[in-house]
């Protein structure tokens, strides 16, 4: 709808407005291949903005903030190669399940002891798989998890520590760890000037008191690829209505939102694309 309205008012615009509809935001991420295909060129994009419906904010409110607003998100897999055998004779084995358990605990020391406590990071083990019988020690066990960080320096430090800890713990038990590490979305970082423009447009639409400082989240967003290339702002449009039961969190099976948020988002887009830019 915003595209249709702006197209009709093309002569009133001071420059070009390009709309991006990115697929696969939840993975593998559509922004990166779109950039590689020339999204930000012909004409060159000087500033970029993106909206996210947000059920942590009541409808009628808008969340913006400069700097990091979402984390980088990486995925890793650790395979512990041990030696299987009978559960009644563990001395004849190198038990990868026990070793994997030690690795899980050791990984939690990365954030508590390797990352500056003023910084933010998350190391989560989301999956453990090893063996398929109650009385058999398997040859291998697999851990799968994610790393989240708001700064690239912290992100790289955590990645190094995942490799070191997995390899070191496994070796101490006489086993071997194979680490596969997939660099996912980078941190989403808002430009200060773009955020000020966004805040002004939102304030015109919903009033200054309804424009709030957005909380940082350790979730991730592929708009981060765009914001690495051009300055911009990723902002949150309040969509919750507790009185109607429309306040369940994102990814909940009961998620729903107040559709009154939609025209608010439209108005903000139209104001943002005005002479201010």
C-alpha atoms as a PDB file:
ATOM      1  CA  UNK A   1       0.000   0.000   0.000  1.00  0.00           C
ATOM      2  CA  UNK A   2       2.818   2.431   0.852  1.00  0.00           C
ATOM      3  CA  UNK A   3       4.418   1.671  -2.525  1.00  0.00           C
ATOM      4  CA  UNK A   4       1.145   2.394  -4.342  1.00  0.00           C
ATOM      5  CA  UNK A   5       0.615   5.699  -2.542  1.00  0.00           C
ATOM      6  CA  UNK A   6       4.190   6.885  -3.064  1.00  0.00           C
ATOM      7  CA  UNK A   7       4.062   5.891  -6.730  1.00  0.00           C
ATOM      8  CA  UNK A   8       1.049   8.195  -7.166  1.00  0.00           C
ATOM      9  CA  UNK A   9       2.969  10.977  -5.416  1.00  0.00           C
ATOM     10  CA  UNK A  10       6.242  10.375  -7.234  1.00  0.00           C
ATOM     11  CA  UNK A  11       6.554  14.017  -8.315  1.00  0.00           C
ATOM     12  CA  UNK A  12       6.446  15.135  -4.665  1.00  0.00           C
ATOM     13  CA  UNK A  13       9.483  13.076  -3.668  1.00  0.00           C
ATOM     14  CA  UNK A  14      12.901  14.704  -3.432  1.00  0.00           C
ATOM     15  CA  UNK A  15      14.686  11.512  -4.448  1.00  0.00           C
ATOM     16  CA  UNK A  16      14.170   7.825  -5.148  1.00  0.00           C
ATOM     17  CA  UNK A  17      12.395   5.354  -2.885  1.00  0.00           C
ATOM     18  CA  UNK A  18      13.176   1.672  -3.352  1.00  0.00           C
ATOM     19  CA  UNK A  19      11.091  -1.048  -1.700  1.00  0.00           C
ATOM     20  CA  UNK A  20      12.634  -4.300  -0.551  1.00  0.00           C
ATOM     21  CA  UNK A  21      10.550  -7.394   0.147  1.00  0.00           C
ATOM     22  CA  UNK A  22      13.079  -9.891   1.444  1.00  0.00           C
ATOM     23  CA  UNK A  23      12.228 -13.614   1.459  1.00  0.00           C
ATOM     24  CA  UNK A  24      13.495 -16.256   3.882  1.00  0.00           C
ATOM     25  CA  UNK A  25      14.206 -13.861   6.756  1.00  0.00           C
ATOM     26  CA  UNK A  26      14.071 -16.743   9.227  1.00  0.00           C
ATOM     27  CA  UNK A  27      16.755 -18.566   7.263  1.00  0.00           C
ATOM     28  CA  UNK A  28      18.830 -18.780   5.227  1.00  0.00           C
ATOM     29  CA  UNK A  29      18.152 -15.050   4.796  1.00  0.00           C
ATOM     30  CA  UNK A  30      17.040 -13.307   1.628  1.00  0.00           C
ATOM     31  CA  UNK A  31      18.770  -9.951   2.134  1.00  0.00           C
ATOM     32  CA  UNK A  32      22.276 -11.188   1.331  1.00  0.00           C
ATOM     33  CA  UNK A  33      21.518 -12.702  -2.113  1.00  0.00           C
ATOM     34  CA  UNK A  34      19.397  -9.625  -2.920  1.00  0.00           C
ATOM     35  CA  UNK A  35      22.374  -7.378  -2.149  1.00  0.00           C
ATOM     36  CA  UNK A  36      24.621  -9.589  -4.250  1.00  0.00           C
ATOM     37  CA  UNK A  37      22.105  -9.251  -7.092  1.00  0.00           C
ATOM     38  CA  UNK A  38      22.371  -5.442  -6.967  1.00  0.00           C
ATOM     39  CA  UNK A  39      19.597  -4.421  -4.569  1.00  0.00           C
ATOM     40  CA  UNK A  40      21.527  -1.404  -3.287  1.00  0.00           C
ATOM     41  CA  UNK A  41      22.623  -0.173  -6.715  1.00  0.00           C
ATOM     42  CA  UNK A  42      20.980   1.347  -9.806  1.00  0.00           C
ATOM     43  CA  UNK A  43      20.065   3.699  -8.181  1.00  0.00           C
ATOM     44  CA  UNK A  44      22.449   3.642  -5.242  1.00  0.00           C
ATOM     45  CA  UNK A  45      20.699   3.403  -1.860  1.00  0.00           C
ATOM     46  CA  UNK A  46      21.866   6.104   0.563  1.00  0.00           C
ATOM     47  CA  UNK A  47      19.840   5.030   3.593  1.00  0.00           C
ATOM     48  CA  UNK A  48      17.718   1.981   4.449  1.00  0.00           C
ATOM     49  CA  UNK A  49      14.884   1.343   6.902  1.00  0.00           C
ATOM     50  CA  UNK A  50      13.063  -1.818   7.958  1.00  0.00           C
ATOM     51  CA  UNK A  51      10.012  -2.498  10.111  1.00  0.00           C
ATOM     52  CA  UNK A  52       9.335  -5.424  12.434  1.00  0.00           C
ATOM     53  CA  UNK A  53       5.946  -6.017  14.060  1.00  0.00           C
ATOM     54  CA  UNK A  54       6.632  -6.303  17.788  1.00  0.00           C
ATOM     55  CA  UNK A  55       4.315  -7.953  20.302  1.00  0.00           C
ATOM     56  CA  UNK A  56       6.434  -6.796  23.216  1.00  0.00           C
ATOM     57  CA  UNK A  57       5.060  -3.293  22.585  1.00  0.00           C
ATOM     58  CA  UNK A  58       1.414  -2.241  22.777  1.00  0.00           C
ATOM     59  CA  UNK A  59      -0.261  -1.176  19.557  1.00  0.00           C
ATOM     60  CA  UNK A  60       0.229   2.555  19.045  1.00  0.00           C
ATOM     61  CA  UNK A  61       3.805   2.526  20.254  1.00  0.00           C
ATOM     62  CA  UNK A  62       7.027   2.479  18.255  1.00  0.00           C
ATOM     63  CA  UNK A  63      10.444   1.293  19.418  1.00  0.00           C
ATOM     64  CA  UNK A  64      13.664   2.764  18.028  1.00  0.00           C
ATOM     65  CA  UNK A  65      17.255   2.977  19.242  1.00  0.00           C
ATOM     66  CA  UNK A  66      20.644   3.794  17.744  1.00  0.00           C
ATOM     67  CA  UNK A  67      23.510   1.301  17.763  1.00  0.00           C
ATOM     68  CA  UNK A  68      23.145  -2.477  18.140  1.00  0.00           C
ATOM     69  CA  UNK A  69      19.499  -3.540  18.294  1.00  0.00           C
ATOM     70  CA  UNK A  70      19.761  -7.241  17.438  1.00  0.00           C
ATOM     71  CA  UNK A  71      22.548  -9.763  17.818  1.00  0.00           C
ATOM     72  CA  UNK A  72      24.591 -11.701  15.328  1.00  0.00           C
ATOM     73  CA  UNK A  73      23.537 -15.356  15.234  1.00  0.00           C
ATOM     74  CA  UNK A  74      25.824 -18.285  14.429  1.00  0.00           C
ATOM     75  CA  UNK A  75      25.161 -22.015  14.409  1.00  0.00           C
ATOM     76  CA  UNK A  76      27.651 -24.682  15.410  1.00  0.00           C
ATOM     77  CA  UNK A  77      27.872 -28.450  15.577  1.00  0.00           C
ATOM     78  CA  UNK A  78      30.354 -30.457  17.647  1.00  0.00           C
ATOM     79  CA  UNK A  79      30.835 -34.151  17.005  1.00  0.00           C
ATOM     80  CA  UNK A  80      32.671 -36.048  19.749  1.00  0.00           C
ATOM     81  CA  UNK A  81      34.451 -39.069  18.289  1.00  0.00           C
ATOM     82  CA  UNK A  82      35.023 -41.656  21.013  1.00  0.00           C
ATOM     83  CA  UNK A  83      34.997 -45.446  21.092  1.00  0.00           C
ATOM     84  CA  UNK A  84      31.826 -47.403  21.705  1.00  0.00           C
ATOM     85  CA  UNK A  85      31.211 -50.594  23.598  1.00  0.00           C
ATOM     86  CA  UNK A  86      29.001 -52.281  26.135  1.00  0.00           C
ATOM     87  CA  UNK A  87      27.419 -50.199  28.867  1.00  0.00           C
ATOM     88  CA  UNK A  88      28.525 -52.815  31.409  1.00  0.00           C
ATOM     89  CA  UNK A  89      32.192 -52.412  30.415  1.00  0.00           C
ATOM     90  CA  UNK A  90      32.822 -48.646  30.201  1.00  0.00           C
ATOM     91  CA  UNK A  91      36.544 -49.146  30.889  1.00  0.00           C
ATOM     92  CA  UNK A  92      36.841 -50.586  27.378  1.00  0.00           C
ATOM     93  CA  UNK A  93      35.369 -47.461  25.790  1.00  0.00           C
ATOM     94  CA  UNK A  94      35.915 -43.738  25.377  1.00  0.00           C
ATOM     95  CA  UNK A  95      32.422 -42.595  26.233  1.00  0.00           C
ATOM     96  CA  UNK A  96      31.408 -39.670  23.967  1.00  0.00           C
ATOM     97  CA  UNK A  97      28.190 -39.054  25.917  1.00  0.00           C
ATOM     98  CA  UNK A  98      30.088 -38.314  29.125  1.00  0.00           C
ATOM     99  CA  UNK A  99      32.565 -36.171  27.186  1.00  0.00           C
ATOM    100  CA  UNK A 100      29.753 -34.269  25.469  1.00  0.00           C
ATOM    101  CA  UNK A 101      28.261 -33.541  28.895  1.00  0.00           C
ATOM    102  CA  UNK A 102      31.553 -32.016  30.031  1.00  0.00           C
ATOM    103  CA  UNK A 103      31.698 -29.948  26.860  1.00  0.00           C
ATOM    104  CA  UNK A 104      28.195 -28.558  27.529  1.00  0.00           C
ATOM    105  CA  UNK A 105      29.227 -27.401  31.002  1.00  0.00           C
ATOM    106  CA  UNK A 106      32.582 -26.023  29.827  1.00  0.00           C
ATOM    107  CA  UNK A 107      30.947 -23.993  27.048  1.00  0.00           C
ATOM    108  CA  UNK A 108      29.013 -22.053  29.674  1.00  0.00           C
ATOM    109  CA  UNK A 109      32.288 -20.609  30.971  1.00  0.00           C
ATOM    110  CA  UNK A 110      32.810 -18.685  27.729  1.00  0.00           C
ATOM    111  CA  UNK A 111      30.297 -15.984  28.605  1.00  0.00           C
ATOM    112  CA  UNK A 112      31.024 -16.024  32.339  1.00  0.00           C
ATOM    113  CA  UNK A 113      34.837 -16.040  32.090  1.00  0.00           C
ATOM    114  CA  UNK A 114      35.968 -15.113  28.566  1.00  0.00           C
ATOM    115  CA  UNK A 115      33.624 -12.262  27.623  1.00  0.00           C
ATOM    116  CA  UNK A 116      33.855  -8.801  29.183  1.00  0.00           C
ATOM    117  CA  UNK A 117      30.944  -8.694  31.674  1.00  0.00           C
ATOM    118  CA  UNK A 118      29.935  -5.292  30.267  1.00  0.00           C
ATOM    119  CA  UNK A 119      29.403  -6.941  26.865  1.00  0.00           C
ATOM    120  CA  UNK A 120      26.638  -9.343  25.856  1.00  0.00           C
ATOM    121  CA  UNK A 121      26.825 -12.867  24.456  1.00  0.00           C
ATOM    122  CA  UNK A 122      24.879 -16.118  24.575  1.00  0.00           C
ATOM    123  CA  UNK A 123      26.096 -19.679  24.064  1.00  0.00           C
ATOM    124  CA  UNK A 124      23.228 -22.160  23.910  1.00  0.00           C
ATOM    125  CA  UNK A 125      23.307 -25.915  23.367  1.00  0.00           C
ATOM    126  CA  UNK A 126      19.982 -26.709  21.768  1.00  0.00           C
ATOM    127  CA  UNK A 127      20.454 -30.336  20.828  1.00  0.00           C
ATOM    128  CA  UNK A 128      22.311 -33.386  22.183  1.00  0.00           C
ATOM    129  CA  UNK A 129      22.273 -36.692  20.370  1.00  0.00           C
ATOM    130  CA  UNK A 130      24.214 -39.826  21.243  1.00  0.00           C
ATOM    131  CA  UNK A 131      23.414 -43.517  21.072  1.00  0.00           C
ATOM    132  CA  UNK A 132      20.201 -45.426  20.484  1.00  0.00           C
ATOM    133  CA  UNK A 133      20.208 -48.199  23.102  1.00  0.00           C
ATOM    134  CA  UNK A 134      20.119 -48.096  26.896  1.00  0.00           C
ATOM    135  CA  UNK A 135      23.034 -50.508  27.329  1.00  0.00           C
ATOM    136  CA  UNK A 136      25.352 -49.466  24.507  1.00  0.00           C
ATOM    137  CA  UNK A 137      27.981 -46.726  24.671  1.00  0.00           C
ATOM    138  CA  UNK A 138      28.048 -45.165  21.189  1.00  0.00           C
ATOM    139  CA  UNK A 139      31.055 -44.279  19.077  1.00  0.00           C
ATOM    140  CA  UNK A 140      30.055 -40.634  18.825  1.00  0.00           C
ATOM    141  CA  UNK A 141      27.813 -37.917  20.237  1.00  0.00           C
ATOM    142  CA  UNK A 142      26.679 -34.675  18.642  1.00  0.00           C
ATOM    143  CA  UNK A 143      26.003 -31.240  20.139  1.00  0.00           C
ATOM    144  CA  UNK A 144      24.271 -28.498  18.159  1.00  0.00           C
ATOM    145  CA  UNK A 145      23.842 -24.929  19.336  1.00  0.00           C
ATOM    146  CA  UNK A 146      23.903 -21.215  18.673  1.00  0.00           C
ATOM    147  CA  UNK A 147      26.082 -18.232  19.557  1.00  0.00           C
ATOM    148  CA  UNK A 148      24.648 -14.705  19.858  1.00  0.00           C
ATOM    149  CA  UNK A 149      26.636 -11.483  20.258  1.00  0.00           C
ATOM    150  CA  UNK A 150      25.979  -7.783  19.751  1.00  0.00           C
ATOM    151  CA  UNK A 151      29.535  -6.896  18.701  1.00  0.00           C
ATOM    152  CA  UNK A 152      31.675  -8.462  16.006  1.00  0.00           C
ATOM    153  CA  UNK A 153      34.744  -8.573  18.267  1.00  0.00           C
ATOM    154  CA  UNK A 154      32.830 -10.530  20.918  1.00  0.00           C
ATOM    155  CA  UNK A 155      31.323 -12.784  18.266  1.00  0.00           C
ATOM    156  CA  UNK A 156      34.783 -13.759  16.966  1.00  0.00           C
ATOM    157  CA  UNK A 157      36.097 -14.352  20.492  1.00  0.00           C
ATOM    158  CA  UNK A 158      33.247 -16.727  21.304  1.00  0.00           C
ATOM    159  CA  UNK A 159      33.778 -18.624  18.051  1.00  0.00           C
ATOM    160  CA  UNK A 160      37.451 -19.207  18.910  1.00  0.00           C
ATOM    161  CA  UNK A 161      36.543 -20.389  22.392  1.00  0.00           C
ATOM    162  CA  UNK A 162      33.951 -22.894  21.134  1.00  0.00           C
ATOM    163  CA  UNK A 163      36.659 -24.517  19.005  1.00  0.00           C
ATOM    164  CA  UNK A 164      39.241 -24.476  21.801  1.00  0.00           C
ATOM    165  CA  UNK A 165      36.962 -25.828  24.520  1.00  0.00           C
ATOM    166  CA  UNK A 166      35.466 -28.605  22.400  1.00  0.00           C
ATOM    167  CA  UNK A 167      38.882 -29.752  21.214  1.00  0.00           C
ATOM    168  CA  UNK A 168      40.524 -29.432  24.631  1.00  0.00           C
ATOM    169  CA  UNK A 169      37.846 -31.204  26.647  1.00  0.00           C
ATOM    170  CA  UNK A 170      37.606 -34.042  24.142  1.00  0.00           C
ATOM    171  CA  UNK A 171      41.385 -34.481  24.062  1.00  0.00           C
ATOM    172  CA  UNK A 172      41.576 -34.630  27.850  1.00  0.00           C
ATOM    173  CA  UNK A 173      39.406 -37.767  27.712  1.00  0.00           C
ATOM    174  CA  UNK A 174      41.291 -39.299  24.807  1.00  0.00           C
ATOM    175  CA  UNK A 175      38.622 -38.433  22.242  1.00  0.00           C
ATOM    176  CA  UNK A 176      38.476 -36.057  19.284  1.00  0.00           C
ATOM    177  CA  UNK A 177      36.108 -33.177  18.609  1.00  0.00           C
ATOM    178  CA  UNK A 178      35.110 -32.107  15.107  1.00  0.00           C
ATOM    179  CA  UNK A 179      33.665 -28.580  15.081  1.00  0.00           C
ATOM    180  CA  UNK A 180      31.523 -27.232  12.246  1.00  0.00           C
ATOM    181  CA  UNK A 181      30.820 -23.522  12.621  1.00  0.00           C
ATOM    182  CA  UNK A 182      28.377 -21.621  10.410  1.00  0.00           C
ATOM    183  CA  UNK A 183      28.587 -17.830  10.489  1.00  0.00           C
ATOM    184  CA  UNK A 184      25.007 -16.624  10.398  1.00  0.00           C
ATOM    185  CA  UNK A 185      23.523 -13.141  10.426  1.00  0.00           C
ATOM    186  CA  UNK A 186      25.807 -10.337  11.663  1.00  0.00           C
ATOM    187  CA  UNK A 187      24.645  -7.940  14.404  1.00  0.00           C
ATOM    188  CA  UNK A 188      21.940  -5.460  13.381  1.00  0.00           C
ATOM    189  CA  UNK A 189      23.352  -1.979  14.060  1.00  0.00           C
ATOM    190  CA  UNK A 190      21.334   1.215  13.576  1.00  0.00           C
ATOM    191  CA  UNK A 191      22.921   4.428  12.348  1.00  0.00           C
ATOM    192  CA  UNK A 192      22.465   7.409  14.698  1.00  0.00           C
ATOM    193  CA  UNK A 193      21.293   9.885  12.034  1.00  0.00           C
ATOM    194  CA  UNK A 194      18.933   7.378  10.412  1.00  0.00           C
ATOM    195  CA  UNK A 195      17.498   6.539  13.825  1.00  0.00           C
ATOM    196  CA  UNK A 196      16.849  10.239  14.484  1.00  0.00           C
ATOM    197  CA  UNK A 197      14.963  10.494  11.171  1.00  0.00           C
ATOM    198  CA  UNK A 198      12.977   7.404  12.040  1.00  0.00           C
ATOM    199  CA  UNK A 199      12.139   8.727  15.493  1.00  0.00           C
ATOM    200  CA  UNK A 200      10.920  12.032  14.042  1.00  0.00           C
ATOM    201  CA  UNK A 201       8.646  10.314  11.500  1.00  0.00           C
ATOM    202  CA  UNK A 202       7.220   8.031  14.164  1.00  0.00           C
ATOM    203  CA  UNK A 203       6.634  10.927  16.558  1.00  0.00           C
ATOM    204  CA  UNK A 204       4.605  12.748  13.884  1.00  0.00           C
ATOM    205  CA  UNK A 205       2.401   9.686  13.500  1.00  0.00           C
ATOM    206  CA  UNK A 206       1.906   8.482  17.084  1.00  0.00           C
ATOM    207  CA  UNK A 207       3.143  11.330  19.268  1.00  0.00           C
ATOM    208  CA  UNK A 208       6.508  11.756  20.954  1.00  0.00           C
ATOM    209  CA  UNK A 209       5.453  10.006  24.167  1.00  0.00           C
ATOM    210  CA  UNK A 210       4.610   6.840  22.233  1.00  0.00           C
ATOM    211  CA  UNK A 211       8.055   6.567  20.668  1.00  0.00           C
ATOM    212  CA  UNK A 212      10.132   4.566  23.134  1.00  0.00           C
ATOM    213  CA  UNK A 213      13.712   3.341  23.409  1.00  0.00           C
ATOM    214  CA  UNK A 214      13.634  -0.156  21.950  1.00  0.00           C
ATOM    215  CA  UNK A 215      15.116  -2.928  24.088  1.00  0.00           C
ATOM    216  CA  UNK A 216      18.069  -4.792  22.628  1.00  0.00           C
ATOM    217  CA  UNK A 217      17.290  -8.423  21.809  1.00  0.00           C
ATOM    218  CA  UNK A 218      19.613 -11.350  21.240  1.00  0.00           C
ATOM    219  CA  UNK A 219      17.437 -12.451  18.351  1.00  0.00           C
ATOM    220  CA  UNK A 220      18.798 -11.862  14.850  1.00  0.00           C
ATOM    221  CA  UNK A 221      17.622 -10.331  11.582  1.00  0.00           C
ATOM    222  CA  UNK A 222      18.958 -10.489   8.036  1.00  0.00           C
ATOM    223  CA  UNK A 223      18.386  -6.738   7.600  1.00  0.00           C
ATOM    224  CA  UNK A 224      21.788  -6.660   9.284  1.00  0.00           C
ATOM    225  CA  UNK A 225      23.386  -7.381   5.892  1.00  0.00           C
ATOM    226  CA  UNK A 226      21.836  -4.215   4.467  1.00  0.00           C
ATOM    227  CA  UNK A 227      22.907  -2.097   7.438  1.00  0.00           C
ATOM    228  CA  UNK A 228      26.505  -3.281   6.976  1.00  0.00           C
ATOM    229  CA  UNK A 229      26.446  -1.698   3.516  1.00  0.00           C
ATOM    230  CA  UNK A 230      24.451   1.506   4.066  1.00  0.00           C
ATOM    231  CA  UNK A 231      23.353   3.510   7.122  1.00  0.00           C
ATOM    232  CA  UNK A 232      19.820   2.868   8.269  1.00  0.00           C
ATOM    233  CA  UNK A 233      17.428   1.942  11.049  1.00  0.00           C
ATOM    234  CA  UNK A 234      15.583  -1.245  11.981  1.00  0.00           C
ATOM    235  CA  UNK A 235      12.526  -0.251  14.022  1.00  0.00           C
ATOM    236  CA  UNK A 236       9.741  -1.995  15.922  1.00  0.00           C
ATOM    237  CA  UNK A 237       6.030  -1.363  15.422  1.00  0.00           C
ATOM    238  CA  UNK A 238       3.967  -2.149  18.520  1.00  0.00           C
ATOM    239  CA  UNK A 239       1.281  -4.738  17.780  1.00  0.00           C
ATOM    240  CA  UNK A 240       0.132  -6.143  21.145  1.00  0.00           C
ATOM    241  CA  UNK A 241      -3.274  -5.708  22.762  1.00  0.00           C
ATOM    242  CA  UNK A 242      -3.399  -7.474  26.161  1.00  0.00           C
ATOM    243  CA  UNK A 243      -7.091  -6.642  26.640  1.00  0.00           C
ATOM    244  CA  UNK A 244      -7.925  -8.775  23.594  1.00  0.00           C
ATOM    245  CA  UNK A 245      -5.409 -11.497  24.410  1.00  0.00           C
ATOM    246  CA  UNK A 246      -3.225 -10.413  21.492  1.00  0.00           C
ATOM    247  CA  UNK A 247       0.041 -10.285  23.417  1.00  0.00           C
ATOM    248  CA  UNK A 248       1.545 -13.750  23.064  1.00  0.00           C
ATOM    249  CA  UNK A 249       5.253 -13.705  22.184  1.00  0.00           C
ATOM    250  CA  UNK A 250       6.680 -14.160  18.724  1.00  0.00           C
ATOM    251  CA  UNK A 251       7.018 -17.798  17.617  1.00  0.00           C
ATOM    252  CA  UNK A 252       4.343 -18.816  20.107  1.00  0.00           C
ATOM    253  CA  UNK A 253       1.677 -21.156  18.777  1.00  0.00           C
ATOM    254  CA  UNK A 254      -0.850 -18.595  20.069  1.00  0.00           C
ATOM    255  CA  UNK A 255       0.792 -15.552  18.449  1.00  0.00           C
ATOM    256  CA  UNK A 256      -1.584 -12.977  16.993  1.00  0.00           C
ATOM    257  CA  UNK A 257      -1.511  -9.189  16.785  1.00  0.00           C
ATOM    258  CA  UNK A 258      -3.786  -6.165  16.769  1.00  0.00           C
ATOM    259  CA  UNK A 259      -4.327  -5.240  13.122  1.00  0.00           C
ATOM    260  CA  UNK A 260      -4.748  -1.584  14.070  1.00  0.00           C
ATOM    261  CA  UNK A 261      -0.961  -1.517  13.926  1.00  0.00           C
ATOM    262  CA  UNK A 262      -1.006  -1.860  10.125  1.00  0.00           C
ATOM    263  CA  UNK A 263      -2.280   1.647   9.206  1.00  0.00           C
ATOM    264  CA  UNK A 264       0.092   3.114  11.800  1.00  0.00           C
ATOM    265  CA  UNK A 265       3.020   1.447  10.096  1.00  0.00           C
ATOM    266  CA  UNK A 266       1.772   2.701   6.731  1.00  0.00           C
ATOM    267  CA  UNK A 267       1.534   6.282   7.967  1.00  0.00           C
ATOM    268  CA  UNK A 268       5.039   6.176   9.407  1.00  0.00           C
ATOM    269  CA  UNK A 269       6.468   4.874   6.115  1.00  0.00           C
ATOM    270  CA  UNK A 270       4.775   7.686   4.195  1.00  0.00           C
ATOM    271  CA  UNK A 271       6.026  10.353   6.602  1.00  0.00           C
ATOM    272  CA  UNK A 272       9.534   8.897   6.509  1.00  0.00           C
ATOM    273  CA  UNK A 273       9.641   9.099   2.709  1.00  0.00           C
ATOM    274  CA  UNK A 274       8.701  12.785   2.750  1.00  0.00           C
ATOM    275  CA  UNK A 275      10.889  15.886   2.264  1.00  0.00           C
ATOM    276  CA  UNK A 276      12.786  15.070   5.475  1.00  0.00           C
ATOM    277  CA  UNK A 277      14.932  12.563   3.505  1.00  0.00           C
END
